[in-house]
N, C-alpha and C. Protein backbone atom coordinates (compact mmCIF):
# COMPACT_ATOMS: atom_id res chain seq x y z
N UNK A 1 -55.56 -11.54 -3.99
CA UNK A 1 -56.66 -12.56 -3.61
C UNK A 1 -55.96 -14.07 -3.56
N UNK A 2 -55.69 -14.51 -2.31
CA UNK A 2 -54.82 -15.69 -2.33
C UNK A 2 -55.85 -17.28 -3.11
N UNK A 3 -55.30 -18.21 -3.67
CA UNK A 3 -55.90 -19.08 -4.00
C UNK A 3 -56.28 -20.17 -3.09
N UNK A 4 -55.55 -20.07 -2.39
CA UNK A 4 -55.25 -21.25 -1.48
C UNK A 4 -55.40 -20.46 0.25
N UNK A 5 -54.57 -20.88 1.42
CA UNK A 5 -54.63 -20.13 2.67
C UNK A 5 -53.62 -18.77 2.43
N UNK A 6 -54.40 -17.96 3.29
CA UNK A 6 -53.43 -16.78 3.25
C UNK A 6 -55.01 -15.70 3.12
N UNK A 7 -54.48 -13.82 3.54
CA UNK A 7 -55.16 -13.50 3.37
C UNK A 7 -55.05 -12.37 2.15
N UNK A 8 -56.32 -11.52 1.62
CA UNK A 8 -55.93 -10.94 0.26
C UNK A 8 -55.41 -9.70 0.99
N UNK A 9 -54.31 -8.81 -0.16
CA UNK A 9 -53.89 -7.73 0.65
C UNK A 9 -54.01 -6.98 -1.22
N UNK A 10 -53.39 -5.35 -0.32
CA UNK A 10 -53.40 -4.57 -1.31
C UNK A 10 -52.14 -4.00 -2.60
N UNK A 11 -51.89 -4.40 -3.42
CA UNK A 11 -51.03 -4.20 -4.09
C UNK A 11 -49.98 -3.41 -4.49
N UNK A 12 -50.83 -2.30 -4.47
CA UNK A 12 -49.91 -1.17 -4.26
C UNK A 12 -51.05 0.01 -3.54
N UNK A 13 -50.05 1.08 -3.61
CA UNK A 13 -50.44 2.82 -2.57
C UNK A 13 -50.76 3.86 -3.06
N UNK A 14 -50.77 3.59 -4.41
CA UNK A 14 -50.74 4.95 -5.50
C UNK A 14 -52.41 5.35 -6.06
N UNK A 15 -52.37 6.44 -6.47
CA UNK A 15 -53.41 6.61 -7.01
C UNK A 15 -53.67 6.64 -8.73
N UNK A 16 -53.55 5.20 -9.13
CA UNK A 16 -53.17 5.07 -10.78
C UNK A 16 -54.30 3.99 -11.16
N UNK A 17 -55.16 4.17 -12.06
CA UNK A 17 -56.17 3.24 -12.42
C UNK A 17 -55.65 2.07 -13.07
N UNK A 18 -55.47 1.47 -12.87
CA UNK A 18 -54.69 0.25 -13.56
C UNK A 18 -55.97 -0.98 -14.31
N UNK A 19 -55.56 -1.31 -15.41
CA UNK A 19 -56.43 -1.98 -16.24
C UNK A 19 -55.69 -3.63 -16.54
N UNK A 20 -55.11 -3.94 -17.46
CA UNK A 20 -54.12 -5.08 -17.53
C UNK A 20 -52.94 -5.50 -16.74
N UNK A 21 -52.79 -6.50 -16.34
CA UNK A 21 -52.12 -6.79 -15.73
C UNK A 21 -51.10 -8.27 -15.84
N UNK A 22 -49.78 -8.43 -15.90
CA UNK A 22 -49.25 -9.47 -15.86
C UNK A 22 -48.01 -10.02 -15.10
N UNK A 23 -47.96 -11.27 -14.57
CA UNK A 23 -46.55 -11.02 -13.93
C UNK A 23 -45.63 -11.51 -15.05
N UNK A 24 -44.77 -10.91 -14.60
CA UNK A 24 -43.25 -11.22 -14.85
C UNK A 24 -42.50 -12.66 -14.90
N UNK A 25 -41.72 -13.12 -15.33
CA UNK A 25 -41.37 -14.31 -14.98
C UNK A 25 -40.46 -14.81 -13.52
N UNK A 26 -40.20 -13.71 -13.46
CA UNK A 26 -39.47 -13.36 -11.87
C UNK A 26 -40.36 -13.89 -10.76
N UNK A 27 -41.81 -13.84 -10.85
CA UNK A 27 -42.78 -13.69 -9.87
C UNK A 27 -42.97 -12.79 -8.63
N UNK A 28 -41.77 -11.94 -9.20
CA UNK A 28 -41.70 -10.64 -8.16
C UNK A 28 -42.17 -9.47 -8.56
N UNK A 29 -42.50 -9.57 -10.08
CA UNK A 29 -42.96 -7.92 -10.23
C UNK A 29 -44.31 -8.11 -11.32
N UNK A 30 -44.97 -6.87 -11.32
CA UNK A 30 -46.24 -7.29 -12.49
C UNK A 30 -45.81 -6.18 -13.49
N UNK A 31 -46.48 -6.46 -14.93
CA UNK A 31 -46.41 -5.17 -15.51
C UNK A 31 -47.54 -5.06 -15.89
N UNK A 32 -48.34 -3.78 -15.50
CA UNK A 32 -49.67 -2.99 -15.74
C UNK A 32 -49.86 -2.03 -16.57
N UNK A 33 -51.20 -2.19 -17.19
CA UNK A 33 -51.57 -0.86 -18.04
C UNK A 33 -52.33 0.52 -17.00
N UNK A 34 -51.88 1.56 -17.10
CA UNK A 34 -52.14 2.13 -16.36
C UNK A 34 -52.76 3.64 -16.51
N UNK A 35 -53.63 4.27 -15.95
CA UNK A 35 -53.83 5.67 -16.00
C UNK A 35 -53.77 6.48 -14.71
N UNK A 36 -52.54 7.77 -14.57
CA UNK A 36 -52.64 8.56 -13.60
C UNK A 36 -53.45 9.79 -13.42
N UNK A 37 -53.92 10.05 -12.58
CA UNK A 37 -55.14 11.55 -12.93
C UNK A 37 -54.39 12.62 -13.37
N UNK A 38 -54.50 13.06 -14.75
CA UNK A 38 -54.04 13.95 -15.11
C UNK A 38 -52.96 13.97 -16.12
N UNK A 39 -52.67 12.54 -16.93
CA UNK A 39 -51.67 12.01 -17.29
C UNK A 39 -52.41 10.57 -18.35
N UNK A 40 -51.72 10.53 -19.28
CA UNK A 40 -51.94 9.70 -20.25
C UNK A 40 -51.19 8.22 -19.80
N UNK A 41 -51.96 7.34 -20.40
CA UNK A 41 -51.99 5.78 -20.35
C UNK A 41 -50.63 5.39 -20.80
N UNK A 42 -49.93 4.73 -19.86
CA UNK A 42 -48.54 4.24 -20.03
C UNK A 42 -48.46 2.49 -19.37
N UNK A 43 -47.41 1.86 -18.94
CA UNK A 43 -47.19 0.87 -18.81
C UNK A 43 -46.91 1.18 -17.34
N UNK A 44 -46.75 0.32 -16.28
CA UNK A 44 -45.86 0.36 -15.25
C UNK A 44 -45.24 -0.99 -14.56
N UNK A 45 -44.09 -0.92 -14.20
CA UNK A 45 -43.55 -1.95 -13.15
C UNK A 45 -43.93 -1.59 -11.78
N UNK A 46 -44.79 -2.78 -11.23
CA UNK A 46 -44.93 -3.01 -9.85
C UNK A 46 -44.31 -4.18 -8.96
N UNK A 47 -43.79 -3.49 -7.56
CA UNK A 47 -42.76 -4.65 -7.10
C UNK A 47 -43.45 -5.43 -6.07
N UNK A 48 -43.79 -6.33 -6.12
CA UNK A 48 -44.71 -7.07 -5.18
C UNK A 48 -44.68 -7.19 -3.57
N UNK A 49 -43.17 -7.15 -3.53
CA UNK A 49 -43.04 -6.80 -1.85
C UNK A 49 -43.37 -5.23 -1.43
N UNK A 50 -43.39 -4.40 -2.06
CA UNK A 50 -43.34 -3.20 -1.85
C UNK A 50 -44.22 -2.58 -2.06
N UNK A 51 -44.57 -3.04 -2.82
CA UNK A 51 -46.11 -2.04 -3.66
C UNK A 51 -46.11 -0.96 -4.36
N UNK A 52 -44.72 -0.50 -4.75
CA UNK A 52 -44.32 0.25 -5.36
C UNK A 52 -43.98 0.27 -6.86
N UNK A 53 -45.06 1.59 -7.60
CA UNK A 53 -45.17 1.18 -9.02
C UNK A 53 -44.00 2.66 -9.55
N UNK A 54 -43.45 1.70 -10.79
CA UNK A 54 -42.71 2.73 -11.49
C UNK A 54 -43.22 2.95 -12.69
N UNK A 55 -43.35 4.17 -13.34
CA UNK A 55 -43.11 4.27 -15.05
C UNK A 55 -42.37 3.33 -15.68
N UNK A 56 -43.02 2.32 -16.70
CA UNK A 56 -41.96 1.53 -17.56
C UNK A 56 -41.87 2.30 -18.74
N UNK A 57 -42.63 2.82 -19.52
CA UNK A 57 -42.89 3.41 -20.79
C UNK A 57 -43.31 4.94 -20.37
N UNK A 58 -42.99 5.85 -21.42
CA UNK A 58 -43.49 7.26 -21.41
C UNK A 58 -45.11 7.26 -21.82
N UNK A 59 -45.89 8.53 -21.52
CA UNK A 59 -47.12 8.49 -21.95
C UNK A 59 -47.56 8.35 -23.36
N UNK A 60 -48.32 7.67 -23.05
CA UNK A 60 -48.69 6.94 -24.75
C UNK A 60 -48.37 6.19 -25.26
N UNK A 61 -47.33 5.39 -24.31
CA UNK A 61 -46.88 3.63 -25.27
C UNK A 61 -47.19 2.88 -24.14
N UNK A 62 -48.10 1.75 -24.74
CA UNK A 62 -48.61 0.76 -23.70
C UNK A 62 -48.83 -0.32 -24.00
N UNK A 63 -48.89 -1.34 -23.31
CA UNK A 63 -48.96 -2.59 -24.33
C UNK A 63 -48.34 -4.10 -23.07
N UNK A 64 -49.26 -5.21 -22.55
CA UNK A 64 -48.66 -5.57 -21.80
C UNK A 64 -48.29 -6.82 -22.01
N UNK A 65 -48.09 -7.48 -23.42
CA UNK A 65 -47.94 -8.61 -23.89
C UNK A 65 -46.78 -9.23 -23.72
N UNK A 66 -46.25 -9.68 -22.86
CA UNK A 66 -45.03 -9.89 -22.64
C UNK A 66 -44.49 -11.41 -23.45
N UNK A 67 -43.34 -11.08 -23.93
CA UNK A 67 -42.33 -12.20 -25.10
C UNK A 67 -42.29 -13.41 -23.66
N UNK A 68 -41.85 -14.74 -24.59
CA UNK A 68 -42.01 -15.73 -23.84
C UNK A 68 -40.78 -15.82 -22.60
N UNK A 69 -39.66 -14.73 -23.02
CA UNK A 69 -38.14 -14.93 -22.07
C UNK A 69 -38.98 -13.67 -20.77
N UNK A 70 -39.80 -12.97 -20.97
CA UNK A 70 -40.12 -11.68 -20.58
C UNK A 70 -39.36 -10.71 -20.62
N UNK A 71 -38.36 -10.84 -21.45
CA UNK A 71 -37.57 -9.19 -21.46
C UNK A 71 -37.97 -8.27 -22.48
N UNK A 72 -39.38 -8.13 -22.54
CA UNK A 72 -39.91 -7.65 -23.56
C UNK A 72 -41.18 -7.33 -23.55
N UNK A 73 -42.25 -6.61 -23.85
CA UNK A 73 -43.56 -6.24 -24.26
C UNK A 73 -43.93 -5.79 -25.69
N UNK A 74 -44.81 -6.15 -26.14
CA UNK A 74 -45.31 -5.36 -27.35
C UNK A 74 -46.54 -4.33 -26.81
N UNK A 75 -46.17 -3.32 -27.89
CA UNK A 75 -46.81 -1.58 -27.40
C UNK A 75 -47.06 -1.22 -28.41
N UNK A 76 -48.57 -0.34 -28.28
CA UNK A 76 -48.90 0.70 -29.10
C UNK A 76 -47.82 1.85 -28.71
N UNK A 77 -47.31 2.32 -29.85
CA UNK A 77 -46.33 3.69 -29.34
C UNK A 77 -47.14 4.60 -30.70
N UNK A 78 -46.16 5.91 -30.86
CA UNK A 78 -46.68 6.76 -30.79
C UNK A 78 -47.28 6.77 -32.40
N UNK A 79 -48.18 7.52 -32.51
CA UNK A 79 -48.93 7.88 -34.01
C UNK A 79 -49.33 6.52 -34.11
N UNK A 80 -49.82 5.98 -33.04
CA UNK A 80 -50.66 4.32 -33.41
C UNK A 80 -49.44 2.95 -34.32
N UNK A 81 -48.19 3.61 -33.80
CA UNK A 81 -47.31 2.76 -34.64
C UNK A 81 -47.50 1.23 -33.46
N UNK A 82 -47.21 0.06 -33.83
CA UNK A 82 -46.91 -1.00 -32.98
C UNK A 82 -45.22 -1.29 -32.96
N UNK A 83 -44.69 -1.93 -31.80
CA UNK A 83 -43.58 -1.79 -31.31
C UNK A 83 -43.21 -2.45 -30.43
N UNK A 84 -41.83 -2.76 -30.02
CA UNK A 84 -41.42 -3.61 -28.99
C UNK A 84 -41.06 -2.83 -27.84
N UNK A 85 -41.18 -3.03 -26.28
CA UNK A 85 -40.37 -2.34 -25.47
C UNK A 85 -39.72 -3.02 -24.43
N UNK A 86 -38.01 -3.08 -24.50
CA UNK A 86 -37.15 -4.07 -23.24
C UNK A 86 -37.77 -3.64 -22.10
N UNK A 87 -38.13 -4.82 -21.24
CA UNK A 87 -38.56 -4.22 -19.64
C UNK A 87 -37.36 -3.49 -18.80
N UNK A 88 -36.46 -3.88 -19.02
CA UNK A 88 -34.90 -3.55 -18.74
C UNK A 88 -34.44 -2.21 -19.23
N UNK A 89 -35.28 -1.40 -19.85
CA UNK A 89 -35.07 0.00 -20.42
C UNK A 89 -34.10 -0.44 -22.29
N UNK A 90 -34.20 0.93 -22.56
CA UNK A 90 -33.62 0.95 -24.34
C UNK A 90 -34.72 1.38 -25.15
N UNK A 91 -35.96 1.56 -24.51
CA UNK A 91 -36.76 2.44 -25.48
C UNK A 91 -37.30 1.47 -26.73
N UNK A 92 -38.61 2.43 -27.26
CA UNK A 92 -39.25 1.87 -28.25
C UNK A 92 -38.37 1.22 -29.39
N UNK A 93 -38.85 0.35 -29.99
CA UNK A 93 -38.09 -0.46 -31.23
C UNK A 93 -39.51 -0.75 -32.05
N UNK A 94 -39.70 0.32 -33.39
CA UNK A 94 -40.96 0.54 -34.34
C UNK A 94 -40.80 -0.76 -34.75
N UNK A 95 -41.57 -1.40 -34.93
CA UNK A 95 -41.83 -2.80 -36.19
C UNK A 95 -42.03 -2.31 -37.56
N UNK A 96 -40.97 -2.34 -38.51
CA UNK A 96 -41.29 -1.87 -39.56
C UNK A 96 -42.76 -1.97 -40.05
N UNK A 97 -43.27 -1.10 -40.76
CA UNK A 97 -44.30 -1.41 -41.48
C UNK A 97 -46.05 -1.79 -40.99
N UNK A 98 -45.54 -1.99 -39.19
CA UNK A 98 -46.89 -2.57 -38.88
C UNK A 98 -47.48 -1.49 -37.78
N UNK A 99 -48.36 -1.25 -38.16
CA UNK A 99 -49.08 -0.01 -37.56
C UNK A 99 -50.66 -0.19 -36.82
N UNK A 100 -51.38 0.68 -36.14
CA UNK A 100 -52.41 0.30 -35.80
C UNK A 100 -53.59 -0.52 -35.80
N UNK A 101 -53.66 -0.56 -37.33
CA UNK A 101 -54.86 -1.35 -37.46
C UNK A 101 -54.62 -3.04 -37.72
N UNK A 102 -53.43 -3.22 -36.91
CA UNK A 102 -53.26 -4.75 -36.87
C UNK A 102 -53.53 -4.72 -35.13
N UNK A 103 -54.18 -6.12 -34.63
CA UNK A 103 -54.16 -6.63 -33.06
C UNK A 103 -53.02 -7.28 -33.14
N UNK A 104 -52.63 -7.25 -32.12
CA UNK A 104 -51.35 -8.19 -31.76
C UNK A 104 -52.39 -9.08 -30.50
N UNK A 105 -51.79 -10.94 -30.92
CA UNK A 105 -52.95 -11.53 -30.10
C UNK A 105 -51.63 -12.45 -28.99
N UNK A 106 -50.35 -12.51 -29.68
CA UNK A 106 -49.54 -13.35 -29.22
C UNK A 106 -47.87 -12.97 -29.77
N UNK A 107 -47.16 -13.80 -28.97
CA UNK A 107 -45.28 -14.04 -29.27
C UNK A 107 -45.42 -15.28 -29.84
N UNK A 108 -44.66 -15.76 -30.74
CA UNK A 108 -44.43 -17.11 -31.42
C UNK A 108 -43.39 -17.50 -30.14
N UNK A 109 -43.38 -18.92 -30.34
CA UNK A 109 -42.43 -19.38 -29.03
C UNK A 109 -41.29 -19.02 -29.03
N UNK A 110 -40.85 -18.57 -30.27
CA UNK A 110 -39.08 -18.31 -30.22
C UNK A 110 -38.79 -16.81 -30.07
N UNK A 111 -39.89 -16.16 -29.59
CA UNK A 111 -39.69 -14.65 -29.56
C UNK A 111 -39.40 -14.09 -30.85
N UNK A 112 -39.40 -14.04 -31.88
CA UNK A 112 -38.77 -13.51 -32.68
C UNK A 112 -39.95 -12.79 -33.67
N UNK A 113 -41.40 -13.20 -33.40
CA UNK A 113 -42.16 -12.89 -34.08
C UNK A 113 -43.30 -12.68 -33.19
N UNK A 114 -44.15 -11.51 -33.83
CA UNK A 114 -46.06 -11.29 -33.23
C UNK A 114 -46.94 -12.17 -34.49
N UNK A 115 -47.90 -12.59 -33.42
CA UNK A 115 -48.85 -12.81 -34.24
C UNK A 115 -50.25 -11.85 -34.22
N UNK A 116 -50.54 -11.59 -35.65
CA UNK A 116 -51.35 -10.26 -35.58
C UNK A 116 -52.29 -10.48 -36.76
N UNK A 117 -53.20 -9.66 -36.74
CA UNK A 117 -54.76 -9.66 -37.25
C UNK A 117 -55.25 -8.19 -37.62
N UNK A 118 -55.99 -8.11 -38.59
CA UNK A 118 -56.61 -6.87 -39.25
C UNK A 118 -57.74 -6.73 -38.31
N UNK A 119 -58.37 -5.71 -37.67
CA UNK A 119 -59.12 -5.49 -36.46
C UNK A 119 -60.48 -5.40 -37.39
N UNK A 120 -60.84 -6.44 -38.11
CA UNK A 120 -62.43 -6.43 -38.51
C UNK A 120 -63.49 -7.02 -37.61
N UNK A 121 -64.24 -6.52 -37.50
CA UNK A 121 -65.51 -7.16 -36.51
C UNK A 121 -66.29 -7.91 -37.64
N UNK A 122 -66.61 -7.43 -38.97
CA UNK A 122 -67.30 -7.97 -39.64
C UNK A 122 -67.31 -9.18 -40.47
N UNK A 123 -66.05 -10.12 -39.92
CA UNK A 123 -65.53 -10.99 -40.73
C UNK A 123 -65.73 -12.25 -40.20
N UNK A 124 -66.30 -13.39 -40.67
CA UNK A 124 -66.67 -14.57 -40.55
C UNK A 124 -65.24 -15.43 -39.96
N UNK A 125 -64.17 -15.06 -40.32
CA UNK A 125 -63.03 -15.76 -40.19
C UNK A 125 -61.82 -15.05 -39.33
N UNK A 126 -61.00 -15.31 -38.50
CA UNK A 126 -60.01 -14.16 -38.05
C UNK A 126 -58.84 -15.28 -38.76
N UNK A 127 -57.92 -14.07 -39.43
CA UNK A 127 -57.19 -14.54 -40.00
C UNK A 127 -55.65 -13.70 -39.44
N UNK A 128 -54.93 -14.70 -38.94
CA UNK A 128 -53.90 -14.61 -38.25
C UNK A 128 -52.38 -14.39 -39.33
N UNK A 129 -51.29 -13.50 -39.07
CA UNK A 129 -50.34 -13.35 -39.89
C UNK A 129 -49.35 -13.44 -38.59
N UNK A 130 -48.34 -14.14 -39.33
CA UNK A 130 -46.77 -13.74 -38.41
C UNK A 130 -46.02 -12.96 -38.71
N UNK A 131 -45.27 -11.72 -38.27
CA UNK A 131 -44.66 -10.54 -38.40
C UNK A 131 -43.32 -10.61 -37.61
N UNK A 132 -42.37 -10.81 -38.15
CA UNK A 132 -41.15 -10.87 -37.78
C UNK A 132 -40.84 -9.21 -37.03
N UNK A 133 -40.27 -9.08 -35.37
CA UNK A 133 -40.32 -8.04 -34.83
C UNK A 133 -39.09 -7.46 -35.21
N UNK A 134 -38.46 -7.77 -36.57
CA UNK A 134 -36.87 -7.01 -36.54
C UNK A 134 -37.45 -6.46 -37.97
N UNK A 135 -37.78 -7.44 -39.07
CA UNK A 135 -37.66 -7.01 -40.24
C UNK A 135 -39.14 -6.21 -40.50
N UNK A 136 -40.25 -6.74 -40.06
CA UNK A 136 -41.58 -6.47 -40.38
C UNK A 136 -42.06 -7.46 -41.32
N UNK A 137 -41.30 -8.12 -41.88
CA UNK A 137 -41.83 -9.25 -42.95
C UNK A 137 -43.37 -9.87 -42.21
N UNK A 138 -44.30 -9.89 -43.12
CA UNK A 138 -45.81 -10.19 -42.81
C UNK A 138 -45.90 -11.55 -43.53
N UNK A 139 -46.11 -12.65 -42.95
CA UNK A 139 -46.85 -13.82 -43.76
C UNK A 139 -48.16 -14.04 -42.93
N UNK A 140 -48.43 -14.88 -43.92
CA UNK A 140 -50.22 -15.47 -43.18
C UNK A 140 -49.68 -16.79 -42.67
N UNK A 141 -50.53 -16.98 -41.40
CA UNK A 141 -50.43 -17.89 -40.45
C UNK A 141 -51.33 -18.85 -40.39
N UNK A 142 -52.54 -18.09 -39.71
CA UNK A 142 -53.58 -19.55 -39.70
C UNK A 142 -54.94 -18.55 -39.64
N UNK A 143 -55.79 -19.22 -39.96
CA UNK A 143 -56.94 -18.84 -40.08
C UNK A 143 -58.14 -19.36 -39.03
N UNK A 144 -58.90 -19.10 -38.37
CA UNK A 144 -59.64 -19.75 -37.11
C UNK A 144 -61.15 -19.26 -37.56
N UNK A 145 -62.10 -20.48 -37.60
CA UNK A 145 -63.70 -20.19 -38.03
C UNK A 145 -63.72 -20.90 -39.40
N UNK A 146 -65.08 -20.70 -39.82
CA UNK A 146 -65.49 -21.30 -41.02
C UNK A 146 -66.09 -20.25 -41.89
N UNK A 147 -65.15 -19.97 -43.14
CA UNK A 147 -65.53 -19.34 -43.68
C UNK A 147 -66.71 -19.21 -44.63
N UNK A 148 -67.36 -20.40 -44.97
CA UNK A 148 -68.53 -21.17 -45.57
C UNK A 148 -69.84 -20.83 -44.68
N UNK A 149 -69.87 -20.70 -43.49
CA UNK A 149 -71.15 -20.91 -43.05
C UNK A 149 -71.24 -19.86 -42.54
N UNK A 150 -72.45 -19.73 -42.58
CA UNK A 150 -73.72 -17.95 -42.48
C UNK A 150 -73.76 -17.53 -40.80
N UNK A 151 -73.82 -16.71 -40.65
CA UNK A 151 -73.89 -16.74 -39.04
C UNK A 151 -73.05 -16.95 -38.43
N UNK A 152 -72.01 -16.65 -38.80
CA UNK A 152 -70.17 -17.29 -37.76
C UNK A 152 -69.71 -16.05 -37.82
N UNK A 153 -68.96 -16.04 -36.48
CA UNK A 153 -67.87 -15.17 -36.42
C UNK A 153 -66.71 -15.37 -35.66
N UNK A 154 -65.65 -15.08 -35.58
CA UNK A 154 -64.21 -15.72 -34.71
C UNK A 154 -64.00 -14.59 -34.37
N UNK A 155 -63.09 -14.84 -33.00
CA UNK A 155 -62.18 -13.47 -32.63
C UNK A 155 -60.61 -14.09 -32.90
N UNK A 156 -59.77 -13.62 -32.63
CA UNK A 156 -58.45 -13.94 -32.81
C UNK A 156 -58.14 -14.71 -31.58
N UNK A 157 -57.17 -15.35 -31.53
CA UNK A 157 -57.00 -16.17 -30.16
C UNK A 157 -55.79 -15.61 -29.45
N UNK A 158 -55.83 -16.17 -27.97
CA UNK A 158 -55.22 -15.76 -27.18
C UNK A 158 -54.36 -16.45 -26.73
N UNK A 159 -53.11 -16.37 -26.45
CA UNK A 159 -52.11 -17.64 -26.68
C UNK A 159 -51.67 -17.99 -25.16
N UNK A 160 -51.28 -18.87 -24.70
CA UNK A 160 -50.62 -18.94 -23.68
C UNK A 160 -49.10 -18.52 -23.44
N UNK A 161 -48.51 -18.40 -22.25
CA UNK A 161 -47.46 -17.73 -22.40
C UNK A 161 -46.23 -18.25 -23.05
N UNK A 162 -46.20 -19.56 -23.03
CA UNK A 162 -45.28 -20.35 -23.98
C UNK A 162 -45.63 -21.01 -25.46
N UNK A 163 -46.80 -19.98 -25.73
CA UNK A 163 -47.30 -20.18 -27.21
C UNK A 163 -47.69 -21.78 -27.56
N UNK A 164 -47.62 -22.34 -26.66
CA UNK A 164 -47.91 -23.90 -26.98
C UNK A 164 -49.57 -23.87 -26.87
N UNK A 165 -50.16 -23.34 -26.70
CA UNK A 165 -51.58 -23.74 -26.90
C UNK A 165 -51.81 -22.14 -26.96
N UNK A 166 -53.58 -22.21 -27.12
CA UNK A 166 -54.56 -20.93 -27.53
C UNK A 166 -55.64 -21.39 -27.40
N UNK A 167 -56.37 -20.47 -27.50
CA UNK A 167 -58.19 -20.05 -27.40
C UNK A 167 -58.65 -18.87 -27.95
N UNK A 168 -59.88 -19.69 -28.41
CA UNK A 168 -60.42 -18.41 -29.36
C UNK A 168 -62.19 -18.85 -29.63
N UNK A 169 -62.59 -17.35 -29.49
CA UNK A 169 -64.21 -17.58 -29.95
C UNK A 169 -64.98 -17.91 -30.84
N UNK A 170 -65.50 -18.80 -31.41
CA UNK A 170 -66.15 -18.82 -32.64
C UNK A 170 -68.02 -18.87 -32.42
N UNK A 171 -68.65 -18.12 -33.06
CA UNK A 171 -69.89 -18.09 -32.89
C UNK A 171 -70.74 -18.12 -33.80
N UNK A 172 -71.74 -19.30 -33.97
CA UNK A 172 -72.62 -19.75 -34.95
C UNK A 172 -74.14 -19.21 -34.39
N UNK A 173 -74.85 -18.48 -35.28
CA UNK A 173 -76.03 -17.68 -34.63
C UNK A 173 -76.88 -18.93 -35.54
N UNK A 174 -77.66 -19.61 -35.02
CA UNK A 174 -78.60 -20.45 -35.63
C UNK A 174 -80.13 -19.86 -35.51
N UNK A 175 -80.80 -19.36 -36.30
CA UNK A 175 -81.73 -18.56 -36.38
C UNK A 175 -82.88 -19.26 -37.37
N UNK A 176 -84.11 -19.38 -37.25
CA UNK A 176 -85.42 -19.32 -38.72
C UNK A 176 -85.99 -18.24 -38.93
N UNK A 177 -86.34 -17.88 -39.59
CA UNK A 177 -87.10 -16.98 -39.98
C UNK A 177 -88.53 -17.69 -41.08
N UNK A 178 -89.63 -16.85 -40.33
CA UNK A 178 -91.08 -17.07 -40.21
C UNK A 178 -91.66 -16.21 -41.24
N UNK A 179 -92.56 -16.44 -42.12
CA UNK A 179 -93.38 -15.32 -43.02
C UNK A 179 -94.93 -15.74 -42.03
N UNK A 180 -95.27 -14.45 -41.53
CA UNK A 180 -96.47 -14.55 -40.88
C UNK A 180 -97.48 -13.80 -41.82
N UNK A 181 -98.44 -14.19 -42.33
CA UNK A 181 -99.77 -12.92 -43.36
C UNK A 181 -100.96 -13.54 -42.42
N UNK A 182 -101.69 -12.17 -42.65
CA UNK A 182 -103.04 -12.38 -42.13
C UNK A 182 -103.38 -11.84 -40.83
N UNK A 183 -102.08 -11.41 -40.19
CA UNK A 183 -102.16 -11.11 -38.04
C UNK A 183 -102.90 -9.61 -38.37
N UNK A 184 -103.73 -9.34 -37.49
CA UNK A 184 -104.32 -8.09 -37.50
C UNK A 184 -104.23 -7.67 -35.80
C-alpha cells in the first residue's frame, strides 16, 4: 500500500502465509517469516519487482531481525538454538551457549553483538544483556523500568535499524482497594 500517490499491489503470488516482514537495505527485496501448507516455518526472500519468493532458510529456522549492514539475520534454529544466518548463504552459525530462553531485541550498532533478555513475564523490569555473536560472551547491558515500583512491568525494547534509538513499553497499574462491610 503506497503512503502517497500510487495504487496498492500484491507483492507475492504464492500460497505462503507470511507474518513478520522487513525490507533489506537494497530496497529491492524483503525478508519474511512464513509457513507454506504442509511445511515448517522458515524465512523467505521476496523480490519486489517480480513477487517471487525463494526460501532463505531450511524449515524450522526462522528470524527476520536484520543486522545493521543487512547481510545477516538473527534466527532461532534447530533444537531452540539461537544463531546467525547470512542472507547470501553460508548456513547456520550458532551463538555459543545462547538458547531459546533468551529473546533477541536487536543488534548492536557495530553488528558484533545482540541485545537479549530472558523471557520472564512476571518481572518488573526488562534486563537486557549484550552477547557477542562469535564468542557467546554475555554481559549485562541495561535495565528498563523501575524495580521498586509496585504494579509495574516493562517489556524488552525494540531497536531502530541503526541501533541509535529504541522504544519499550512500561506499564504501571494504579489501583485502590476498599474494604466494605455490612452489605447484604
